[in-house]
Amino acid sequence: MATITAWVRGARPRTLPNAIAPVVVGAGAAAELGAFSWLRSTLALIVALALIVGVNYANDYSDGVRGTDDERVGPLRLVGSGTVEPKSVLAAALSSFVLACIAGLSLVVLSGAWWLLVIGAACVGGAWFYTGGKRPYGYAGFGEIAVFVFFGLAAVLGTVYVQAGTVSLLALGSAVAVGAFSSAVLLANNLRDIPSDTEAGKRTLAVKLGDVRTRRLYLVLVITPFAVTIAMAFKLPPALLATITALALIRPVRTVLSRATGGALIPVLADTGLALLLWAVVTGAVLTAAP
């Protein structure tokens, strides 16, 4: 029987900032509109966390049964390593999706925006078909785009909308910034896995772009949030405070630009996720305090 530690590692804790950050900044944007709700923000956080844990377990299951994870450099894969039976990992993924659906349905009922059910279904479908199904889009190079949409635009703007019934330009800018950060986290993961993914026939965006261009794209993605911050400052000057969080990117950017490979790239995921979370906390606080 797998230990609790193995299950926690399989949930990939380094990715959790991708779920927490959009809700933090989305709650701040809702507060800026005078519509913050602890209950709805908490439910939105449950949705985001359940979805990201679900997609991580689903990814583990699908890649494991395909054999894609037989040779991996990164964190523990429950199925690929033989630590847990595939059906158990599948059950964990489905349970996470059910929890996300329950919390999401609660938000829909509270907000009265029933059309959000379509968005919710798309999020769950996107989580499963990233590596699941006969033609997973993650194997075709669309993973970063999906992360930008689901954990950037949908997560931030959804958090705002279920509270305020509308969104603002500041919320939209925040969504773009969070989406860019989240895409950078996945891109760093796929940069590390270029050799193994190429061998397994997994055509991620990093595999398609190649090593050098993937590193350049990572740099563009982590610069984008600060360009957005400067743009937001024209309407809300204190937003410039978020630029201080760029300091958290010094180490991961230096690592990526140093042409590091394999295990040396593993810390880049955590460092980029930390920068994302710090940016979201500072920006969310500034939005909350806005007059």
Protein backbone atom coordinates (compact mmCIF):
# COMPACT_ATOMS: atom_id res chain seq x y z
CA MET A 1 0.00 0.00 0.00
CA ALA A 2 1.28 3.44 -0.93
CA THR A 3 2.16 5.78 1.91
CA ILE A 4 0.52 9.15 2.49
CA THR A 5 3.83 10.73 1.50
CA ALA A 6 3.70 8.99 -1.87
CA TRP A 7 0.14 10.21 -2.50
CA VAL A 8 1.14 13.76 -1.56
CA ARG A 9 4.13 13.63 -3.90
CA GLY A 10 1.89 12.23 -6.61
CA ALA A 11 -0.41 15.23 -6.22
CA ARG A 12 2.60 17.40 -7.21
CA PRO A 13 2.52 20.10 -4.51
CA ARG A 14 4.82 22.33 -6.58
CA THR A 15 1.87 23.01 -8.90
CA LEU A 16 -0.52 24.18 -6.15
CA PRO A 17 0.43 27.87 -6.52
CA ASN A 18 -1.12 27.64 -10.00
CA ALA A 19 -4.46 26.98 -8.30
CA ILE A 20 -4.12 29.30 -5.31
CA ALA A 21 -2.80 32.37 -7.14
CA PRO A 22 -5.74 32.96 -9.52
CA VAL A 23 -8.23 32.81 -6.64
CA VAL A 24 -6.15 35.17 -4.49
CA VAL A 25 -5.89 37.80 -7.20
CA GLY A 26 -9.48 37.17 -8.34
CA ALA A 27 -10.73 37.75 -4.81
CA GLY A 28 -8.73 40.99 -4.74
CA ALA A 29 -10.31 42.08 -8.01
CA ALA A 30 -13.76 41.30 -6.60
CA ALA A 31 -12.93 43.39 -3.53
CA GLU A 32 -11.86 46.26 -5.78
CA LEU A 33 -15.36 46.10 -7.26
CA GLY A 34 -16.85 46.11 -3.75
CA ALA A 35 -18.16 42.55 -4.00
CA PHE A 36 -15.79 40.31 -2.03
CA SER A 37 -17.30 37.21 -0.40
CA TRP A 38 -15.38 34.83 1.87
CA LEU A 39 -17.75 31.97 1.09
CA ARG A 40 -17.56 32.33 -2.68
CA SER A 41 -13.79 32.86 -2.64
CA THR A 42 -13.37 29.73 -0.52
CA LEU A 43 -15.55 27.70 -2.87
CA ALA A 44 -13.56 29.02 -5.84
CA LEU A 45 -10.34 27.95 -4.09
CA ILE A 46 -11.74 24.45 -3.53
CA VAL A 47 -12.64 24.23 -7.22
CA ALA A 48 -9.18 25.32 -8.32
CA LEU A 49 -7.30 23.05 -5.89
CA ALA A 50 -9.49 20.03 -6.66
CA LEU A 51 -9.04 20.56 -10.40
CA ILE A 52 -5.26 20.83 -10.25
CA VAL A 53 -4.92 17.80 -7.99
CA GLY A 54 -7.33 15.96 -10.26
CA VAL A 55 -5.42 16.82 -13.41
CA ASN A 56 -2.16 15.80 -11.74
CA TYR A 57 -3.53 12.38 -10.77
CA ALA A 58 -5.22 12.01 -14.17
CA ASN A 59 -1.93 12.87 -15.86
CA ASP A 60 -0.14 10.33 -13.67
CA TYR A 61 -2.71 7.67 -14.57
CA SER A 62 -2.86 8.32 -18.32
CA ASP A 63 0.89 8.70 -18.81
CA GLY A 64 1.50 5.69 -16.59
CA VAL A 65 -0.74 3.29 -18.49
CA ARG A 66 0.71 4.54 -21.80
CA GLY A 67 4.26 3.98 -20.58
CA THR A 68 5.21 7.63 -21.05
CA ASP A 69 6.42 7.82 -17.44
CA ASP A 70 8.67 4.77 -17.59
CA GLU A 71 11.74 7.00 -17.77
CA ARG A 72 11.25 10.30 -15.93
CA VAL A 73 13.64 12.81 -14.41
CA GLY A 74 11.07 14.71 -12.37
CA PRO A 75 9.03 13.96 -9.23
CA LEU A 76 7.53 10.58 -8.36
CA ARG A 77 4.92 9.18 -10.72
CA LEU A 78 2.63 6.81 -8.86
CA VAL A 79 1.66 4.57 -11.78
CA GLY A 80 4.87 4.80 -13.80
CA SER A 81 6.97 3.84 -10.77
CA GLY A 82 4.66 0.97 -9.84
CA THR A 83 4.00 2.53 -6.43
CA VAL A 84 0.20 2.56 -6.81
CA GLU A 85 -2.23 0.53 -8.92
CA PRO A 86 -3.56 2.50 -11.92
CA LYS A 87 -7.20 2.05 -10.87
CA SER A 88 -6.46 3.65 -7.49
CA VAL A 89 -4.86 6.70 -9.11
CA LEU A 90 -7.80 6.95 -11.53
CA ALA A 91 -10.20 6.84 -8.58
CA ALA A 92 -8.27 9.65 -6.88
CA ALA A 93 -8.45 11.76 -10.04
CA LEU A 94 -12.19 11.20 -10.47
CA SER A 95 -12.83 11.94 -6.79
CA SER A 96 -11.00 15.25 -7.15
CA PHE A 97 -13.08 16.14 -10.20
CA VAL A 98 -16.30 15.29 -8.32
CA LEU A 99 -15.25 17.59 -5.46
CA ALA A 100 -14.50 20.36 -7.99
CA CYS A 101 -17.94 19.86 -9.55
CA ILE A 102 -19.74 20.01 -6.18
CA ALA A 103 -17.98 23.24 -5.17
CA GLY A 104 -18.47 24.67 -8.65
CA LEU A 105 -22.17 23.85 -8.68
CA SER A 106 -22.51 25.57 -5.32
CA LEU A 107 -20.97 28.71 -6.83
CA VAL A 108 -23.33 28.55 -9.79
CA VAL A 109 -26.35 28.29 -7.48
CA LEU A 110 -25.15 31.17 -5.29
CA SER A 111 -24.36 33.43 -8.25
CA GLY A 112 -27.33 32.42 -10.38
CA ALA A 113 -25.06 32.35 -13.44
CA TRP A 114 -26.11 28.95 -14.82
CA TRP A 115 -24.13 29.46 -18.01
CA LEU A 116 -21.03 28.93 -15.89
CA LEU A 117 -21.88 25.22 -15.96
CA VAL A 118 -20.54 25.19 -19.51
CA ILE A 119 -17.26 26.73 -18.35
CA GLY A 120 -17.06 24.22 -15.52
CA ALA A 121 -17.62 21.29 -17.86
CA ALA A 122 -14.92 22.65 -20.17
CA CYS A 123 -12.49 22.89 -17.23
CA VAL A 124 -13.10 19.28 -16.17
CA GLY A 125 -12.90 18.10 -19.77
CA GLY A 126 -9.69 20.05 -20.25
CA ALA A 127 -8.23 18.47 -17.12
CA TRP A 128 -8.99 14.92 -18.29
CA PHE A 129 -8.12 15.22 -21.97
CA TYR A 130 -4.77 16.89 -21.29
CA THR A 131 -3.25 13.42 -21.27
CA GLY A 132 -6.40 11.25 -21.33
CA GLY A 133 -8.40 9.88 -24.23
CA LYS A 134 -7.22 8.67 -27.60
CA ARG A 135 -5.83 12.02 -28.70
CA PRO A 136 -4.66 13.98 -25.65
CA TYR A 137 -4.03 17.60 -26.50
CA GLY A 138 -1.05 17.71 -24.14
CA TYR A 139 0.69 15.33 -26.54
CA ALA A 140 0.04 17.75 -29.40
CA GLY A 141 1.63 20.86 -27.89
CA PHE A 142 -1.48 22.63 -26.56
CA GLY A 143 -0.83 22.22 -22.84
CA GLU A 144 0.49 25.72 -22.21
CA ILE A 145 -2.45 27.28 -24.03
CA ALA A 146 -4.90 25.25 -21.95
CA VAL A 147 -3.16 26.26 -18.71
CA PHE A 148 -3.32 29.91 -19.77
CA VAL A 149 -7.05 29.61 -20.43
CA PHE A 150 -8.12 27.44 -17.49
CA PHE A 151 -5.76 28.52 -14.69
CA GLY A 152 -5.42 32.07 -15.95
CA LEU A 153 -8.48 33.52 -17.66
CA ALA A 154 -11.16 31.13 -16.39
CA ALA A 155 -9.89 30.87 -12.81
CA VAL A 156 -9.29 34.59 -12.21
CA LEU A 157 -12.27 35.95 -14.10
CA GLY A 158 -14.52 33.18 -12.79
CA THR A 159 -13.56 34.03 -9.21
CA VAL A 160 -14.41 37.67 -9.86
CA TYR A 161 -17.64 37.03 -11.73
CA VAL A 162 -19.27 34.71 -9.18
CA GLN A 163 -18.84 37.49 -6.62
CA ALA A 164 -19.33 40.71 -8.57
CA GLY A 165 -21.47 39.58 -11.50
CA THR A 166 -19.05 41.39 -13.79
CA VAL A 167 -15.31 41.74 -14.46
CA SER A 168 -13.00 44.74 -14.77
CA LEU A 169 -9.98 45.67 -16.86
CA LEU A 170 -7.82 45.19 -13.77
CA ALA A 171 -9.24 41.68 -13.38
CA LEU A 172 -8.56 40.93 -17.04
CA GLY A 173 -4.98 42.14 -16.73
CA SER A 174 -4.52 40.00 -13.64
CA ALA A 175 -5.90 36.98 -15.48
CA VAL A 176 -3.43 37.44 -18.34
CA ALA A 177 -0.54 37.77 -15.89
CA VAL A 178 -1.51 34.67 -13.91
CA GLY A 179 -2.03 32.72 -17.13
CA ALA A 180 1.44 33.65 -18.36
CA PHE A 181 3.01 32.62 -15.06
CA SER A 182 1.13 29.30 -15.03
CA SER A 183 2.13 28.57 -18.61
CA ALA A 184 5.76 29.26 -17.66
CA VAL A 185 5.55 26.64 -14.89
CA LEU A 186 4.31 23.99 -17.33
CA LEU A 187 6.82 25.05 -19.97
CA ALA A 188 9.67 24.63 -17.48
CA ASN A 189 8.39 21.14 -16.70
CA ASN A 190 8.24 20.27 -20.40
CA LEU A 191 11.67 21.79 -21.04
CA ARG A 192 13.11 19.37 -18.51
CA ASP A 193 11.31 16.44 -20.14
CA ILE A 194 12.23 17.13 -23.78
CA PRO A 195 14.49 14.04 -24.09
CA SER A 196 12.04 11.58 -22.47
CA ASP A 197 8.97 13.09 -24.15
CA THR A 198 10.66 12.94 -27.55
CA GLU A 199 11.46 9.28 -27.04
CA ALA A 200 7.91 8.55 -25.88
CA GLY A 201 6.37 10.37 -28.86
CA LYS A 202 4.88 13.11 -26.67
CA ARG A 203 4.96 16.22 -28.86
CA THR A 204 4.73 18.93 -26.22
CA LEU A 205 5.26 22.56 -27.14
CA ALA A 206 8.81 22.29 -25.79
CA VAL A 207 9.51 19.30 -28.03
CA LYS A 208 8.14 21.17 -31.03
CA LEU A 209 10.06 24.38 -30.32
CA GLY A 210 13.29 22.70 -29.31
CA ASP A 211 15.55 23.51 -26.38
CA VAL A 212 16.73 27.02 -27.31
CA ARG A 213 13.38 28.47 -28.36
CA THR A 214 11.64 26.94 -25.34
CA ARG A 215 14.05 28.78 -23.05
CA ARG A 216 13.34 32.03 -24.89
CA LEU A 217 9.60 31.50 -24.58
CA TYR A 218 9.97 30.88 -20.84
CA LEU A 219 11.67 34.26 -20.55
CA VAL A 220 8.85 35.97 -22.47
CA LEU A 221 6.22 34.33 -20.27
CA VAL A 222 7.81 35.41 -16.97
CA ILE A 223 8.32 38.96 -18.25
CA THR A 224 4.69 39.30 -19.35
CA PRO A 225 3.18 39.63 -15.84
CA PHE A 226 5.40 42.59 -15.07
CA ALA A 227 4.50 44.27 -18.35
CA VAL A 228 0.88 43.79 -17.28
CA THR A 229 1.71 45.23 -13.84
CA ILE A 230 3.08 48.40 -15.42
CA ALA A 231 -0.04 48.70 -17.58
CA MET A 232 -2.28 48.21 -14.53
CA ALA A 233 -0.37 50.96 -12.70
CA PHE A 234 -1.78 53.58 -15.08
CA LYS A 235 -5.16 52.98 -13.43
CA LEU A 236 -3.94 51.82 -10.03
CA PRO A 237 -0.42 53.17 -9.28
CA PRO A 238 0.19 50.99 -6.18
CA ALA A 239 0.08 47.97 -8.51
CA LEU A 240 3.76 48.72 -9.21
CA LEU A 241 4.52 47.18 -5.81
CA ALA A 242 4.16 43.78 -7.48
CA THR A 243 7.33 44.39 -9.49
CA ILE A 244 9.34 43.60 -6.34
CA THR A 245 8.31 39.95 -6.77
CA ALA A 246 10.53 39.79 -9.85
CA LEU A 247 13.37 39.14 -7.40
CA ALA A 248 11.96 35.63 -6.92
CA LEU A 249 12.63 34.94 -10.59
CA ILE A 250 16.35 35.65 -10.52
CA ARG A 251 17.33 32.06 -9.73
CA PRO A 252 14.95 30.25 -12.12
CA VAL A 253 15.72 32.62 -15.01
CA ARG A 254 19.43 32.22 -14.40
CA THR A 255 19.02 28.43 -14.37
CA VAL A 256 17.02 28.37 -17.59
CA LEU A 257 19.44 30.72 -19.38
CA SER A 258 22.42 28.68 -18.17
CA ARG A 259 21.30 25.82 -20.44
CA ALA A 260 20.78 23.54 -17.44
CA THR A 261 19.09 20.23 -18.23
CA GLY A 262 17.46 17.27 -16.49
CA GLY A 263 17.27 17.34 -12.72
CA ALA A 264 18.90 20.78 -12.57
CA LEU A 265 15.65 22.22 -13.96
CA ILE A 266 13.42 20.72 -11.26
CA PRO A 267 13.77 23.74 -8.88
CA VAL A 268 12.64 26.06 -11.69
CA LEU A 269 9.07 24.77 -11.31
CA ALA A 270 8.92 25.56 -7.61
CA ASP A 271 10.67 28.92 -7.99
CA THR A 272 8.38 30.03 -10.83
CA GLY A 273 5.34 28.90 -8.86
CA LEU A 274 6.57 30.87 -5.85
CA ALA A 275 7.00 33.99 -7.98
CA LEU A 276 3.45 33.49 -9.28
CA LEU A 277 2.05 33.20 -5.77
CA LEU A 278 3.97 36.23 -4.49
CA TRP A 279 2.81 38.31 -7.45
CA ALA A 280 -0.79 37.25 -6.83
CA VAL A 281 -0.63 38.02 -3.10
CA VAL A 282 0.85 41.49 -3.61
CA THR A 283 -1.47 42.34 -6.50
CA GLY A 284 -4.49 40.92 -4.66
CA ALA A 285 -3.65 43.02 -1.61
CA VAL A 286 -3.26 46.17 -3.71
CA LEU A 287 -6.61 45.52 -5.41
CA THR A 288 -8.30 44.91 -2.04
CA ALA A 289 -6.93 48.14 -0.62
CA ALA A 290 -7.88 50.20 -3.68
CA PRO A 291 -10.19 53.13 -2.82
